[in-house]
Structures are given as structure tokens and as C-alpha cells.
N, C-alpha and C. Protein backbone atom coordinates (compact mmCIF):
# COMPACT_ATOMS: atom_id res chain seq x y z
N MET A 1 -33.98 -39.04 86.81
CA MET A 1 -34.80 -40.20 86.54
C MET A 1 -35.43 -40.70 87.84
N LYS A 2 -34.64 -40.80 88.90
CA LYS A 2 -35.15 -41.30 90.17
C LYS A 2 -36.18 -40.33 90.77
N ASN A 3 -36.08 -39.07 90.41
CA ASN A 3 -37.03 -38.06 90.90
C ASN A 3 -38.23 -37.89 89.97
N GLY A 4 -38.32 -38.71 88.93
CA GLY A 4 -39.44 -38.64 88.01
C GLY A 4 -39.37 -37.48 87.04
N LEU A 5 -38.20 -36.91 86.86
CA LEU A 5 -38.05 -35.76 85.97
C LEU A 5 -37.71 -36.18 84.54
N LEU A 6 -37.38 -37.44 84.33
CA LEU A 6 -37.06 -37.95 82.99
C LEU A 6 -38.01 -39.07 82.62
N ASN A 7 -38.41 -39.08 81.36
CA ASN A 7 -39.21 -40.19 80.87
C ASN A 7 -38.42 -41.03 79.86
N TYR A 8 -37.48 -40.40 79.16
CA TYR A 8 -36.73 -41.09 78.11
C TYR A 8 -35.25 -40.71 78.19
N ILE A 9 -34.43 -41.69 77.87
CA ILE A 9 -33.00 -41.44 77.66
C ILE A 9 -32.75 -41.74 76.20
N VAL A 10 -32.18 -40.79 75.50
CA VAL A 10 -31.96 -40.92 74.06
C VAL A 10 -30.47 -41.12 73.80
N ALA A 11 -30.18 -42.14 72.98
CA ALA A 11 -28.79 -42.41 72.58
C ALA A 11 -28.75 -42.50 71.06
N TYR A 12 -27.59 -42.25 70.51
CA TYR A 12 -27.42 -42.31 69.07
C TYR A 12 -27.61 -43.74 68.56
N LYS A 13 -26.84 -44.68 69.15
CA LYS A 13 -26.93 -46.09 68.79
C LYS A 13 -26.84 -46.92 70.05
N LEU A 14 -27.41 -48.10 70.02
CA LEU A 14 -27.39 -48.99 71.17
C LEU A 14 -25.97 -49.39 71.56
N ASP A 15 -25.11 -49.66 70.58
CA ASP A 15 -23.75 -50.07 70.92
C ASP A 15 -22.93 -48.96 71.56
N ARG A 16 -23.43 -47.73 71.52
CA ARG A 16 -22.78 -46.62 72.24
C ARG A 16 -23.21 -46.62 73.70
N VAL A 17 -24.31 -47.31 74.01
CA VAL A 17 -24.79 -47.41 75.39
C VAL A 17 -24.10 -48.59 76.07
N THR A 18 -24.20 -49.77 75.47
CA THR A 18 -23.55 -50.97 76.00
C THR A 18 -23.56 -52.06 74.94
N ARG A 19 -22.62 -52.98 75.08
CA ARG A 19 -22.62 -54.19 74.25
C ARG A 19 -22.72 -55.43 75.11
N SER A 20 -22.86 -55.22 76.39
CA SER A 20 -22.93 -56.32 77.34
C SER A 20 -24.40 -56.65 77.62
N VAL A 21 -24.75 -57.91 77.46
CA VAL A 21 -26.12 -58.35 77.73
C VAL A 21 -26.45 -58.12 79.20
N ARG A 22 -25.53 -58.43 80.06
CA ARG A 22 -25.75 -58.26 81.51
C ARG A 22 -25.99 -56.78 81.85
N ASP A 23 -25.12 -55.90 81.34
CA ASP A 23 -25.28 -54.47 81.61
C ASP A 23 -26.61 -53.95 81.07
N LEU A 24 -27.01 -54.44 79.92
CA LEU A 24 -28.28 -54.00 79.33
C LEU A 24 -29.46 -54.41 80.22
N GLU A 25 -29.42 -55.64 80.73
CA GLU A 25 -30.51 -56.09 81.60
C GLU A 25 -30.60 -55.23 82.85
N VAL A 26 -29.46 -54.89 83.43
CA VAL A 26 -29.45 -54.02 84.61
C VAL A 26 -30.03 -52.65 84.23
N LEU A 27 -29.62 -52.12 83.08
CA LEU A 27 -30.10 -50.81 82.63
C LEU A 27 -31.61 -50.83 82.40
N ILE A 28 -32.09 -51.82 81.67
CA ILE A 28 -33.53 -51.89 81.38
C ILE A 28 -34.34 -52.04 82.66
N SER A 29 -33.87 -52.89 83.58
CA SER A 29 -34.57 -53.07 84.87
C SER A 29 -34.63 -51.77 85.65
N THR A 30 -33.51 -51.05 85.67
CA THR A 30 -33.46 -49.78 86.39
C THR A 30 -34.39 -48.76 85.74
N LEU A 31 -34.35 -48.70 84.41
CA LEU A 31 -35.23 -47.76 83.70
C LEU A 31 -36.70 -48.08 83.96
N GLU A 32 -37.06 -49.37 83.89
CA GLU A 32 -38.45 -49.76 84.12
C GLU A 32 -38.90 -49.43 85.55
N LYS A 33 -38.00 -49.61 86.49
CA LYS A 33 -38.31 -49.32 87.90
C LYS A 33 -38.73 -47.87 88.09
N TYR A 34 -38.12 -46.98 87.32
CA TYR A 34 -38.42 -45.55 87.45
C TYR A 34 -39.28 -45.03 86.30
N HIS A 35 -39.91 -45.95 85.56
CA HIS A 35 -40.80 -45.59 84.45
C HIS A 35 -40.10 -44.68 83.44
N CYS A 36 -38.90 -45.08 83.09
CA CYS A 36 -38.10 -44.35 82.10
C CYS A 36 -37.75 -45.34 80.99
N TYR A 37 -37.52 -44.85 79.79
CA TYR A 37 -37.30 -45.73 78.65
C TYR A 37 -36.10 -45.27 77.84
N LEU A 38 -35.54 -46.21 77.12
CA LEU A 38 -34.37 -45.94 76.28
C LEU A 38 -34.80 -45.87 74.83
N ILE A 39 -34.34 -44.83 74.16
CA ILE A 39 -34.58 -44.69 72.72
C ILE A 39 -33.23 -44.53 72.05
N CYS A 40 -32.99 -45.36 71.02
CA CYS A 40 -31.76 -45.26 70.23
C CYS A 40 -32.15 -44.90 68.81
N ASP A 41 -31.78 -43.71 68.41
CA ASP A 41 -32.21 -43.12 67.15
C ASP A 41 -31.86 -43.98 65.93
N ARG A 42 -30.61 -44.37 65.80
CA ARG A 42 -30.17 -45.09 64.59
C ARG A 42 -30.61 -46.54 64.54
N ASP A 43 -30.92 -47.14 65.69
CA ASP A 43 -31.29 -48.56 65.71
C ASP A 43 -32.80 -48.79 65.82
N ASP A 44 -33.58 -47.71 65.83
CA ASP A 44 -35.03 -47.83 65.99
C ASP A 44 -35.40 -48.59 67.27
N VAL A 45 -34.71 -48.26 68.34
CA VAL A 45 -34.95 -48.92 69.62
C VAL A 45 -35.81 -48.01 70.48
N ASN A 46 -36.82 -48.62 71.12
CA ASN A 46 -37.67 -47.91 72.06
C ASN A 46 -38.13 -48.93 73.09
N THR A 47 -37.63 -48.83 74.32
CA THR A 47 -37.94 -49.84 75.34
C THR A 47 -39.27 -49.61 76.05
N SER A 48 -40.08 -48.72 75.54
CA SER A 48 -41.38 -48.48 76.19
C SER A 48 -42.40 -49.55 75.82
N THR A 49 -42.08 -50.41 74.85
CA THR A 49 -42.99 -51.49 74.46
C THR A 49 -42.30 -52.84 74.64
N ALA A 50 -43.10 -53.90 74.74
CA ALA A 50 -42.55 -55.26 74.87
C ALA A 50 -41.70 -55.61 73.65
N ASN A 51 -42.20 -55.27 72.46
CA ASN A 51 -41.43 -55.54 71.24
C ASN A 51 -40.11 -54.76 71.24
N GLY A 52 -40.16 -53.53 71.71
CA GLY A 52 -38.94 -52.72 71.78
C GLY A 52 -37.91 -53.32 72.72
N ARG A 53 -38.36 -53.82 73.88
CA ARG A 53 -37.43 -54.45 74.84
C ARG A 53 -36.85 -55.73 74.25
N PHE A 54 -37.71 -56.51 73.56
CA PHE A 54 -37.21 -57.73 72.91
C PHE A 54 -36.16 -57.38 71.85
N PHE A 55 -36.45 -56.39 71.03
CA PHE A 55 -35.55 -55.99 69.95
C PHE A 55 -34.21 -55.49 70.50
N VAL A 56 -34.26 -54.71 71.57
CA VAL A 56 -33.02 -54.18 72.14
C VAL A 56 -32.17 -55.32 72.70
N ARG A 57 -32.81 -56.31 73.30
CA ARG A 57 -32.05 -57.46 73.83
C ARG A 57 -31.40 -58.24 72.69
N MET A 58 -32.11 -58.41 71.59
CA MET A 58 -31.55 -59.14 70.44
C MET A 58 -30.36 -58.38 69.84
N LEU A 59 -30.51 -57.07 69.72
CA LEU A 59 -29.40 -56.26 69.20
C LEU A 59 -28.16 -56.37 70.09
N THR A 60 -28.37 -56.38 71.39
CA THR A 60 -27.26 -56.47 72.31
C THR A 60 -26.58 -57.83 72.23
N VAL A 61 -27.37 -58.88 72.12
CA VAL A 61 -26.80 -60.22 71.97
C VAL A 61 -25.93 -60.27 70.70
N LEU A 62 -26.45 -59.70 69.61
CA LEU A 62 -25.68 -59.68 68.36
C LEU A 62 -24.41 -58.83 68.49
N SER A 63 -24.50 -57.72 69.20
CA SER A 63 -23.31 -56.88 69.41
C SER A 63 -22.26 -57.62 70.22
N GLN A 64 -22.71 -58.34 71.25
CA GLN A 64 -21.78 -59.09 72.08
C GLN A 64 -21.15 -60.21 71.26
N LEU A 65 -21.94 -60.87 70.42
CA LEU A 65 -21.41 -61.92 69.54
C LEU A 65 -20.35 -61.34 68.61
N GLU A 66 -20.61 -60.18 68.06
CA GLU A 66 -19.66 -59.53 67.16
C GLU A 66 -18.34 -59.26 67.88
N ILE A 67 -18.40 -58.77 69.11
CA ILE A 67 -17.19 -58.50 69.88
C ILE A 67 -16.41 -59.79 70.11
N GLU A 68 -17.11 -60.86 70.47
CA GLU A 68 -16.44 -62.13 70.74
C GLU A 68 -15.81 -62.70 69.47
N ILE A 69 -16.46 -62.56 68.33
CA ILE A 69 -15.91 -63.05 67.06
C ILE A 69 -14.66 -62.25 66.70
N VAL A 70 -14.70 -60.94 66.84
CA VAL A 70 -13.54 -60.10 66.55
C VAL A 70 -12.39 -60.47 67.48
N SER A 71 -12.69 -60.71 68.74
CA SER A 71 -11.67 -61.10 69.72
C SER A 71 -11.02 -62.43 69.32
N GLU A 72 -11.83 -63.41 68.93
CA GLU A 72 -11.30 -64.71 68.50
C GLU A 72 -10.41 -64.55 67.27
N ARG A 73 -10.85 -63.76 66.31
CA ARG A 73 -10.05 -63.55 65.10
C ARG A 73 -8.74 -62.86 65.41
N THR A 74 -8.79 -61.88 66.31
CA THR A 74 -7.57 -61.16 66.69
C THR A 74 -6.59 -62.11 67.36
N LYS A 75 -7.08 -62.93 68.30
CA LYS A 75 -6.20 -63.89 68.98
C LYS A 75 -5.62 -64.88 67.99
N PHE A 76 -6.44 -65.35 67.06
CA PHE A 76 -5.95 -66.28 66.04
C PHE A 76 -4.86 -65.63 65.20
N GLY A 77 -5.11 -64.40 64.77
CA GLY A 77 -4.13 -63.68 63.96
C GLY A 77 -2.84 -63.44 64.71
N LEU A 78 -2.94 -63.09 65.98
CA LEU A 78 -1.73 -62.90 66.79
C LEU A 78 -0.96 -64.19 66.94
N ASN A 79 -1.68 -65.30 67.18
CA ASN A 79 -1.00 -66.59 67.32
C ASN A 79 -0.27 -66.98 66.04
N VAL A 80 -0.91 -66.75 64.89
CA VAL A 80 -0.26 -67.05 63.61
C VAL A 80 0.99 -66.18 63.44
N ALA A 81 0.87 -64.89 63.76
CA ALA A 81 2.00 -63.98 63.65
C ALA A 81 3.13 -64.40 64.59
N ILE A 82 2.79 -64.77 65.82
CA ILE A 82 3.79 -65.17 66.80
C ILE A 82 4.50 -66.45 66.34
N LYS A 83 3.74 -67.41 65.81
CA LYS A 83 4.35 -68.65 65.32
C LYS A 83 5.30 -68.38 64.17
N ALA A 84 5.02 -67.32 63.41
CA ALA A 84 5.91 -66.95 62.30
C ALA A 84 7.07 -66.09 62.79
N GLY A 85 7.11 -65.80 64.09
CA GLY A 85 8.21 -65.03 64.65
C GLY A 85 7.98 -63.53 64.70
N HIS A 86 6.79 -63.09 64.35
CA HIS A 86 6.47 -61.66 64.37
C HIS A 86 5.82 -61.33 65.71
N ILE A 87 6.62 -60.90 66.64
CA ILE A 87 6.13 -60.59 67.97
C ILE A 87 5.56 -59.17 67.95
N PRO A 88 4.30 -59.02 68.37
CA PRO A 88 3.68 -57.69 68.32
C PRO A 88 4.27 -56.74 69.36
N GLY A 89 4.15 -55.47 69.08
CA GLY A 89 4.56 -54.45 70.04
C GLY A 89 6.00 -54.02 69.87
N LYS A 90 6.41 -53.20 70.81
CA LYS A 90 7.75 -52.65 70.81
C LYS A 90 8.76 -53.73 71.21
N CYS A 91 9.93 -53.68 70.62
CA CYS A 91 10.99 -54.62 70.98
C CYS A 91 11.44 -54.36 72.41
N PRO A 92 11.51 -55.40 73.22
CA PRO A 92 12.04 -55.19 74.57
C PRO A 92 13.56 -55.00 74.50
N LEU A 93 14.12 -54.42 75.55
CA LEU A 93 15.56 -54.27 75.67
C LEU A 93 16.18 -55.65 75.51
N ASP A 94 17.23 -55.76 74.73
CA ASP A 94 17.94 -57.01 74.47
C ASP A 94 17.45 -57.68 73.18
N TYR A 95 16.51 -57.07 72.49
CA TYR A 95 16.03 -57.59 71.22
C TYR A 95 15.99 -56.48 70.19
N GLU A 96 16.07 -56.88 68.92
CA GLU A 96 15.88 -55.96 67.81
C GLU A 96 15.14 -56.71 66.72
N ARG A 97 14.56 -55.97 65.79
CA ARG A 97 13.83 -56.60 64.68
C ARG A 97 14.80 -56.89 63.55
N ASP A 98 14.68 -58.09 63.02
CA ASP A 98 15.48 -58.50 61.87
C ASP A 98 14.84 -57.93 60.60
N LYS A 99 15.46 -58.15 59.46
CA LYS A 99 14.92 -57.65 58.18
C LYS A 99 13.52 -58.17 57.91
N ASP A 100 13.26 -59.42 58.32
CA ASP A 100 11.92 -59.99 58.10
C ASP A 100 10.97 -59.70 59.26
N LYS A 101 11.35 -58.74 60.12
CA LYS A 101 10.55 -58.23 61.23
C LYS A 101 10.39 -59.22 62.38
N THR A 102 11.19 -60.29 62.40
CA THR A 102 11.18 -61.18 63.55
C THR A 102 12.17 -60.64 64.57
N LEU A 103 12.02 -61.06 65.81
CA LEU A 103 12.92 -60.59 66.86
C LEU A 103 14.20 -61.39 66.86
N LYS A 104 15.30 -60.69 67.10
CA LYS A 104 16.57 -61.37 67.30
C LYS A 104 17.29 -60.70 68.46
N ILE A 105 18.20 -61.41 69.05
CA ILE A 105 18.92 -60.90 70.21
C ILE A 105 19.81 -59.74 69.81
N ASP A 106 19.78 -58.67 70.61
CA ASP A 106 20.64 -57.51 70.40
C ASP A 106 21.82 -57.65 71.36
N ASN A 107 22.95 -58.01 70.82
CA ASN A 107 24.13 -58.27 71.66
C ASN A 107 24.63 -57.03 72.40
N SER A 108 24.29 -55.84 71.91
CA SER A 108 24.76 -54.63 72.58
C SER A 108 24.06 -54.38 73.91
N THR A 109 22.89 -54.97 74.12
CA THR A 109 22.16 -54.76 75.38
C THR A 109 21.98 -56.05 76.18
N LYS A 110 22.40 -57.15 75.63
CA LYS A 110 22.20 -58.46 76.26
C LYS A 110 22.73 -58.50 77.70
N ASP A 111 23.95 -58.00 77.90
CA ASP A 111 24.58 -58.09 79.21
C ASP A 111 23.81 -57.32 80.29
N VAL A 112 23.19 -56.21 79.91
CA VAL A 112 22.42 -55.43 80.88
C VAL A 112 21.22 -56.24 81.36
N VAL A 113 20.52 -56.86 80.44
CA VAL A 113 19.33 -57.63 80.80
C VAL A 113 19.73 -58.83 81.66
N VAL A 114 20.81 -59.50 81.29
CA VAL A 114 21.30 -60.64 82.08
C VAL A 114 21.61 -60.16 83.50
N ARG A 115 22.26 -59.02 83.60
CA ARG A 115 22.63 -58.48 84.91
C ARG A 115 21.40 -58.11 85.73
N ILE A 116 20.39 -57.53 85.08
CA ILE A 116 19.16 -57.18 85.79
C ILE A 116 18.53 -58.44 86.40
N PHE A 117 18.47 -59.52 85.62
CA PHE A 117 17.90 -60.76 86.13
C PHE A 117 18.76 -61.33 87.25
N GLU A 118 20.08 -61.26 87.10
CA GLU A 118 20.97 -61.77 88.16
C GLU A 118 20.77 -61.00 89.46
N MET A 119 20.69 -59.66 89.37
CA MET A 119 20.47 -58.86 90.58
C MET A 119 19.12 -59.18 91.21
N TYR A 120 18.11 -59.39 90.36
CA TYR A 120 16.78 -59.72 90.87
C TYR A 120 16.82 -61.06 91.59
N LEU A 121 17.52 -62.04 91.00
CA LEU A 121 17.63 -63.37 91.62
C LEU A 121 18.44 -63.32 92.91
N GLU A 122 19.30 -62.32 93.05
CA GLU A 122 20.03 -62.13 94.31
C GLU A 122 19.13 -61.54 95.39
N GLY A 123 17.94 -61.13 95.03
CA GLY A 123 17.00 -60.60 96.01
C GLY A 123 16.90 -59.08 96.02
N LYS A 124 17.54 -58.42 95.08
CA LYS A 124 17.47 -56.96 95.03
C LYS A 124 16.10 -56.52 94.52
N SER A 125 15.60 -55.42 95.06
CA SER A 125 14.30 -54.89 94.64
C SER A 125 14.44 -54.19 93.30
N TYR A 126 13.29 -53.92 92.67
CA TYR A 126 13.29 -53.19 91.41
C TYR A 126 13.96 -51.82 91.58
N GLN A 127 13.63 -51.14 92.66
CA GLN A 127 14.20 -49.81 92.90
C GLN A 127 15.70 -49.88 93.12
N THR A 128 16.17 -50.88 93.86
CA THR A 128 17.61 -51.03 94.10
C THR A 128 18.35 -51.27 92.79
N ILE A 129 17.80 -52.12 91.95
CA ILE A 129 18.42 -52.40 90.65
C ILE A 129 18.47 -51.11 89.82
N ALA A 130 17.37 -50.37 89.79
CA ALA A 130 17.32 -49.11 89.04
C ALA A 130 18.37 -48.14 89.58
N ASN A 131 18.50 -48.05 90.89
CA ASN A 131 19.49 -47.14 91.50
C ASN A 131 20.92 -47.52 91.11
N ILE A 132 21.21 -48.82 91.11
CA ILE A 132 22.54 -49.29 90.73
C ILE A 132 22.84 -48.92 89.28
N LEU A 133 21.89 -49.18 88.38
CA LEU A 133 22.10 -48.87 86.95
C LEU A 133 22.24 -47.37 86.73
N ASN A 134 21.48 -46.56 87.45
CA ASN A 134 21.60 -45.10 87.33
C ASN A 134 22.95 -44.62 87.86
N LYS A 135 23.38 -45.18 88.98
CA LYS A 135 24.67 -44.80 89.56
C LYS A 135 25.82 -45.12 88.61
N GLU A 136 25.71 -46.25 87.92
CA GLU A 136 26.75 -46.68 86.97
C GLU A 136 26.56 -46.04 85.59
N LYS A 137 25.50 -45.23 85.44
CA LYS A 137 25.19 -44.54 84.19
C LYS A 137 25.04 -45.51 83.01
N VAL A 138 24.32 -46.60 83.27
CA VAL A 138 24.01 -47.58 82.23
C VAL A 138 22.80 -47.06 81.48
N LEU A 139 23.03 -46.41 80.35
CA LEU A 139 21.96 -45.78 79.60
C LEU A 139 21.95 -46.26 78.15
N TYR A 140 20.77 -46.26 77.57
CA TYR A 140 20.57 -46.61 76.16
C TYR A 140 19.58 -45.61 75.59
N PRO A 141 19.48 -45.52 74.26
CA PRO A 141 18.53 -44.55 73.68
C PRO A 141 17.11 -44.69 74.23
N GLU A 142 16.66 -45.93 74.46
CA GLU A 142 15.30 -46.11 74.95
C GLU A 142 15.22 -46.03 76.48
N VAL A 143 16.38 -46.00 77.17
CA VAL A 143 16.41 -45.90 78.63
C VAL A 143 17.33 -44.75 79.01
N LYS A 144 16.75 -43.61 79.34
CA LYS A 144 17.56 -42.45 79.71
C LYS A 144 17.74 -42.36 81.23
N HIS A 145 16.81 -42.96 81.95
CA HIS A 145 16.87 -42.98 83.41
C HIS A 145 16.11 -44.21 83.88
N TRP A 146 16.73 -45.03 84.69
CA TRP A 146 16.08 -46.25 85.17
C TRP A 146 15.17 -45.94 86.34
N ILE A 147 13.98 -46.54 86.32
CA ILE A 147 13.05 -46.44 87.46
C ILE A 147 12.55 -47.85 87.76
N ASP A 148 11.95 -48.00 88.93
CA ASP A 148 11.52 -49.34 89.35
C ASP A 148 10.55 -49.99 88.37
N SER A 149 9.67 -49.19 87.75
CA SER A 149 8.69 -49.78 86.83
C SER A 149 9.35 -50.29 85.55
N SER A 150 10.46 -49.68 85.11
CA SER A 150 11.14 -50.19 83.92
C SER A 150 11.81 -51.53 84.24
N ILE A 151 12.33 -51.68 85.44
CA ILE A 151 12.90 -52.97 85.86
C ILE A 151 11.79 -54.01 85.97
N ASN A 152 10.67 -53.61 86.55
CA ASN A 152 9.51 -54.50 86.67
C ASN A 152 9.08 -55.00 85.29
N ARG A 153 9.02 -54.10 84.30
CA ARG A 153 8.61 -54.49 82.95
C ARG A 153 9.57 -55.51 82.35
N ILE A 154 10.84 -55.36 82.61
CA ILE A 154 11.82 -56.32 82.09
C ILE A 154 11.65 -57.67 82.79
N ILE A 155 11.59 -57.65 84.10
CA ILE A 155 11.49 -58.89 84.86
C ILE A 155 10.21 -59.65 84.51
N ASN A 156 9.12 -58.95 84.25
CA ASN A 156 7.83 -59.60 84.00
C ASN A 156 7.43 -59.66 82.53
N ASN A 157 8.34 -59.32 81.63
CA ASN A 157 8.05 -59.35 80.20
C ASN A 157 7.90 -60.79 79.73
N LYS A 158 6.79 -61.08 79.06
CA LYS A 158 6.51 -62.44 78.61
C LYS A 158 7.57 -62.97 77.64
N ILE A 159 8.18 -62.09 76.90
CA ILE A 159 9.21 -62.56 75.97
C ILE A 159 10.40 -63.11 76.74
N TYR A 160 10.81 -62.44 77.81
CA TYR A 160 11.91 -62.96 78.63
C TYR A 160 11.50 -64.23 79.35
N MET A 161 10.21 -64.36 79.64
CA MET A 161 9.71 -65.55 80.32
C MET A 161 9.58 -66.74 79.37
N GLY A 162 9.59 -66.47 78.07
CA GLY A 162 9.47 -67.56 77.10
C GLY A 162 8.04 -67.91 76.78
N ASP A 163 7.10 -67.02 77.04
CA ASP A 163 5.69 -67.33 76.79
C ASP A 163 5.32 -67.30 75.31
N TYR A 164 6.06 -66.57 74.51
CA TYR A 164 5.77 -66.56 73.08
C TYR A 164 6.42 -67.78 72.46
N LYS A 165 5.63 -68.56 71.75
CA LYS A 165 6.05 -69.87 71.28
C LYS A 165 7.37 -69.87 70.52
N ASN A 166 7.55 -69.01 69.56
CA ASN A 166 8.78 -69.01 68.77
C ASN A 166 9.96 -68.48 69.55
N ILE A 167 9.71 -67.70 70.56
CA ILE A 167 10.79 -67.12 71.34
C ILE A 167 11.40 -68.16 72.27
N LYS A 168 10.64 -69.20 72.63
CA LYS A 168 11.15 -70.21 73.55
C LYS A 168 12.47 -70.79 73.06
N LYS A 169 12.52 -71.11 71.79
CA LYS A 169 13.73 -71.71 71.23
C LYS A 169 14.89 -70.71 71.30
N GLN A 170 14.62 -69.45 70.97
CA GLN A 170 15.66 -68.43 71.02
C GLN A 170 16.14 -68.21 72.45
N LEU A 171 15.23 -68.24 73.40
CA LEU A 171 15.62 -68.04 74.80
C LEU A 171 16.48 -69.20 75.29
N ALA A 172 16.15 -70.41 74.86
CA ALA A 172 16.95 -71.56 75.25
C ALA A 172 18.38 -71.42 74.70
N GLU A 173 18.48 -70.98 73.44
CA GLU A 173 19.79 -70.75 72.86
C GLU A 173 20.52 -69.63 73.58
N LYS A 174 19.78 -68.59 73.92
CA LYS A 174 20.35 -67.44 74.64
C LYS A 174 20.87 -67.89 76.01
N GLU A 175 20.09 -68.72 76.70
CA GLU A 175 20.49 -69.19 78.02
C GLU A 175 21.78 -69.98 77.94
N LYS A 176 21.93 -70.81 76.90
CA LYS A 176 23.17 -71.55 76.72
C LYS A 176 24.36 -70.61 76.57
N LYS A 177 24.16 -69.52 75.79
CA LYS A 177 25.22 -68.54 75.59
C LYS A 177 25.58 -67.85 76.90
N TRP A 178 24.55 -67.55 77.72
CA TRP A 178 24.78 -66.86 78.98
C TRP A 178 25.61 -67.72 79.93
N LYS A 179 25.35 -69.03 79.89
CA LYS A 179 26.04 -69.94 80.82
C LYS A 179 27.49 -70.18 80.43
N LEU A 180 27.83 -69.90 79.16
CA LEU A 180 29.20 -70.14 78.69
C LEU A 180 30.20 -69.22 79.29
């Protein structure tokens, strides 16, 4: 394109090129600078005309709006699920899913997680904690070998931090049990 060997870039659909208004403006400016144009077969887009450039900008704005609406709906749905106790994703160590798919404390792994946090609060690094657990052969079906990143995931897991609204109450109850 910069060498004048291209006049058109053809794409199947505009949303396969970009959905960002900012990225589209950069693309159109760059194409115009080198006298090159974008054609999108399925959307009837052709940036070689003023109407075509206007149309492509409108399509991109609508695509970006669609992404933002889907994102808002997803966040809303996740918040509703979390408030009902349905925490998305894989159960972290020390939790299991109840019959109604809410998280509950798994007493068989609770002590390991408590110990990991205690060692971390003592100032031990993720790698040191992993080495200690490996040396003591503290293994579970989901943990066959401890590494620093698995300790990091536990220490920084939002569920252990109490960031999920319904989990806060459970963590407070758990903390009381730990202190006993």
C-alpha cells in the first residue's frame, strides 16, 4: 500500500476488520493517505466515496454500541448470579460446589489454604511456599505439583479476598472458625 501497489483492501465484513471507532479512524486516515480504500463485501462498504466513509463510520459506531451493550448485560448477569451464590469459573482450592451449585467450604483442603496464607503473611515468597508444600508432599487431585504461580493464584484469588458479594459472609464465618 505504501509503495502504491494496492488500491483496495477487501474484507468479508467490517466487524472482522475492527469494531473500534478509534481504530477505524486511524485505518481510514492511513488508507486515504496512500490512496487506498476499504471494501467490505457483506456490508456494502466502500470507502472510496464520501457516502461510503460515512456509512462505514456509522456501522462501526453501531458495532461498538453492540459490544458495550453485550458487556453490560454480561456484567449484570454475572452480578445476579454472584448475588445468588453462583460463583463463575472453577472452584478454588478450599471450596466445592453444593447441590444448588453455590460454593461452600471444603474442609478437606481448608487447612492447606490457611497455611499458605499464614506462610505468605510470615513473608515467605510464592516459590518458598511451593517448595515447602512439595517437600511435605501436600498434594490434591487438582494440585499434583506446587509452583509459584499456583500459590500466587491462591493469594490473589478474589474469592479469598472477599470481593464476591455473597462470599464475604462465608469468609467472615470461615475466619471465625480459623481463629478458634
